């Protein structure tokens, strides 16, 4: 992550690239980034990898040891 991005708080960009929107387009719709490509050719794979990583992190946080 670049210095300016850290200083000025680019919230929608992570180390893995841009954060996908909450509602993703269908495979054959235009991509959300504005590239005029179909979503399946542009950001589908990177969005799936990002969401998988987010789910894994959430699962790690949720599955902590239980002390009774």
C-alpha atoms as a PDB file:
ATOM      1  CA  UNK A   1       0.000   0.000   0.000  1.00  0.00           C
ATOM      2  CA  UNK A   2       1.393   3.377  -0.968  1.00  0.00           C
ATOM      3  CA  UNK A   3       2.246   6.219   1.335  1.00  0.00           C
ATOM      4  CA  UNK A   4      -0.455   8.554   0.026  1.00  0.00           C
ATOM      5  CA  UNK A   5      -3.110   5.854   0.245  1.00  0.00           C
ATOM      6  CA  UNK A   6      -2.216   5.310   3.902  1.00  0.00           C
ATOM      7  CA  UNK A   7      -2.093   9.026   4.673  1.00  0.00           C
ATOM      8  CA  UNK A   8      -5.310   9.994   2.968  1.00  0.00           C
ATOM      9  CA  UNK A   9      -7.304   6.889   3.908  1.00  0.00           C
ATOM     10  CA  UNK A  10      -8.224   5.202   0.652  1.00  0.00           C
ATOM     11  CA  UNK A  11     -10.791   2.946   2.294  1.00  0.00           C
ATOM     12  CA  UNK A  12     -11.847   1.038  -0.804  1.00  0.00           C
ATOM     13  CA  UNK A  13      -8.344  -0.159  -1.728  1.00  0.00           C
ATOM     14  CA  UNK A  14      -6.595  -2.966   0.143  1.00  0.00           C
ATOM     15  CA  UNK A  15      -3.280  -4.745  -0.353  1.00  0.00           C
ATOM     16  CA  UNK A  16      -5.079  -7.211  -2.641  1.00  0.00           C
ATOM     17  CA  UNK A  17      -6.638  -4.534  -4.836  1.00  0.00           C
ATOM     18  CA  UNK A  18      -9.930  -2.645  -4.846  1.00  0.00           C
ATOM     19  CA  UNK A  19     -12.713  -3.751  -2.523  1.00  0.00           C
ATOM     20  CA  UNK A  20     -15.721  -5.104  -4.455  1.00  0.00           C
ATOM     21  CA  UNK A  21     -19.111  -3.445  -3.976  1.00  0.00           C
ATOM     22  CA  UNK A  22     -21.663  -5.022  -1.655  1.00  0.00           C
ATOM     23  CA  UNK A  23     -23.956  -6.050  -4.526  1.00  0.00           C
ATOM     24  CA  UNK A  24     -21.930  -7.755  -7.226  1.00  0.00           C
ATOM     25  CA  UNK A  25     -23.044  -7.828 -10.865  1.00  0.00           C
ATOM     26  CA  UNK A  26     -23.983 -11.037 -12.646  1.00  0.00           C
ATOM     27  CA  UNK A  27     -21.342 -12.803 -14.747  1.00  0.00           C
ATOM     28  CA  UNK A  28     -22.400 -11.286 -18.084  1.00  0.00           C
ATOM     29  CA  UNK A  29     -23.114  -7.759 -16.818  1.00  0.00           C
ATOM     30  CA  UNK A  30     -20.617  -4.940 -17.249  1.00  0.00           C
ATOM     31  CA  UNK A  31     -17.956  -4.840 -14.551  1.00  0.00           C
ATOM     32  CA  UNK A  32     -18.401  -2.502 -11.597  1.00  0.00           C
ATOM     33  CA  UNK A  33     -14.978  -0.883 -12.169  1.00  0.00           C
ATOM     34  CA  UNK A  34     -16.128   0.881 -15.335  1.00  0.00           C
ATOM     35  CA  UNK A  35     -13.764  -0.899 -17.739  1.00  0.00           C
ATOM     36  CA  UNK A  36     -16.588  -1.760 -20.207  1.00  0.00           C
ATOM     37  CA  UNK A  37     -15.643  -5.445 -19.946  1.00  0.00           C
ATOM     38  CA  UNK A  38     -17.922  -8.214 -18.796  1.00  0.00           C
ATOM     39  CA  UNK A  39     -17.611  -8.961 -15.088  1.00  0.00           C
ATOM     40  CA  UNK A  40     -16.448 -12.537 -15.730  1.00  0.00           C
ATOM     41  CA  UNK A  41     -13.488 -11.267 -17.786  1.00  0.00           C
ATOM     42  CA  UNK A  42     -12.529  -8.423 -15.459  1.00  0.00           C
ATOM     43  CA  UNK A  43     -12.985  -8.786 -11.669  1.00  0.00           C
ATOM     44  CA  UNK A  44     -14.849 -12.057 -11.055  1.00  0.00           C
ATOM     45  CA  UNK A  45     -11.819 -14.096  -9.950  1.00  0.00           C
ATOM     46  CA  UNK A  46     -10.286 -11.353  -7.811  1.00  0.00           C
ATOM     47  CA  UNK A  47     -13.634 -10.625  -6.111  1.00  0.00           C
ATOM     48  CA  UNK A  48     -14.149 -14.308  -5.325  1.00  0.00           C
ATOM     49  CA  UNK A  49     -10.643 -14.542  -3.831  1.00  0.00           C
ATOM     50  CA  UNK A  50     -11.236 -11.388  -1.768  1.00  0.00           C
ATOM     51  CA  UNK A  51     -14.568 -12.649  -0.422  1.00  0.00           C
ATOM     52  CA  UNK A  52     -13.070 -16.062   0.397  1.00  0.00           C
ATOM     53  CA  UNK A  53     -10.279 -14.394   2.363  1.00  0.00           C
ATOM     54  CA  UNK A  54     -12.837 -12.254   4.239  1.00  0.00           C
ATOM     55  CA  UNK A  55     -14.881 -15.350   5.141  1.00  0.00           C
ATOM     56  CA  UNK A  56     -11.773 -17.173   6.377  1.00  0.00           C
ATOM     57  CA  UNK A  57     -10.797 -14.236   8.579  1.00  0.00           C
ATOM     58  CA  UNK A  58     -14.314 -14.025  10.002  1.00  0.00           C
ATOM     59  CA  UNK A  59     -14.294 -17.761  10.732  1.00  0.00           C
ATOM     60  CA  UNK A  60     -10.968 -17.484  12.573  1.00  0.00           C
ATOM     61  CA  UNK A  61     -12.345 -14.695  14.758  1.00  0.00           C
ATOM     62  CA  UNK A  62     -15.574 -16.567  15.473  1.00  0.00           C
ATOM     63  CA  UNK A  63     -13.976 -19.905  16.391  1.00  0.00           C
ATOM     64  CA  UNK A  64     -11.995 -18.953  19.433  1.00  0.00           C
ATOM     65  CA  UNK A  65     -11.537 -21.129  22.496  1.00  0.00           C
ATOM     66  CA  UNK A  66     -14.450 -21.198  24.901  1.00  0.00           C
ATOM     67  CA  UNK A  67     -13.720 -20.959  28.594  1.00  0.00           C
ATOM     68  CA  UNK A  68     -16.469 -21.891  30.986  1.00  0.00           C
END
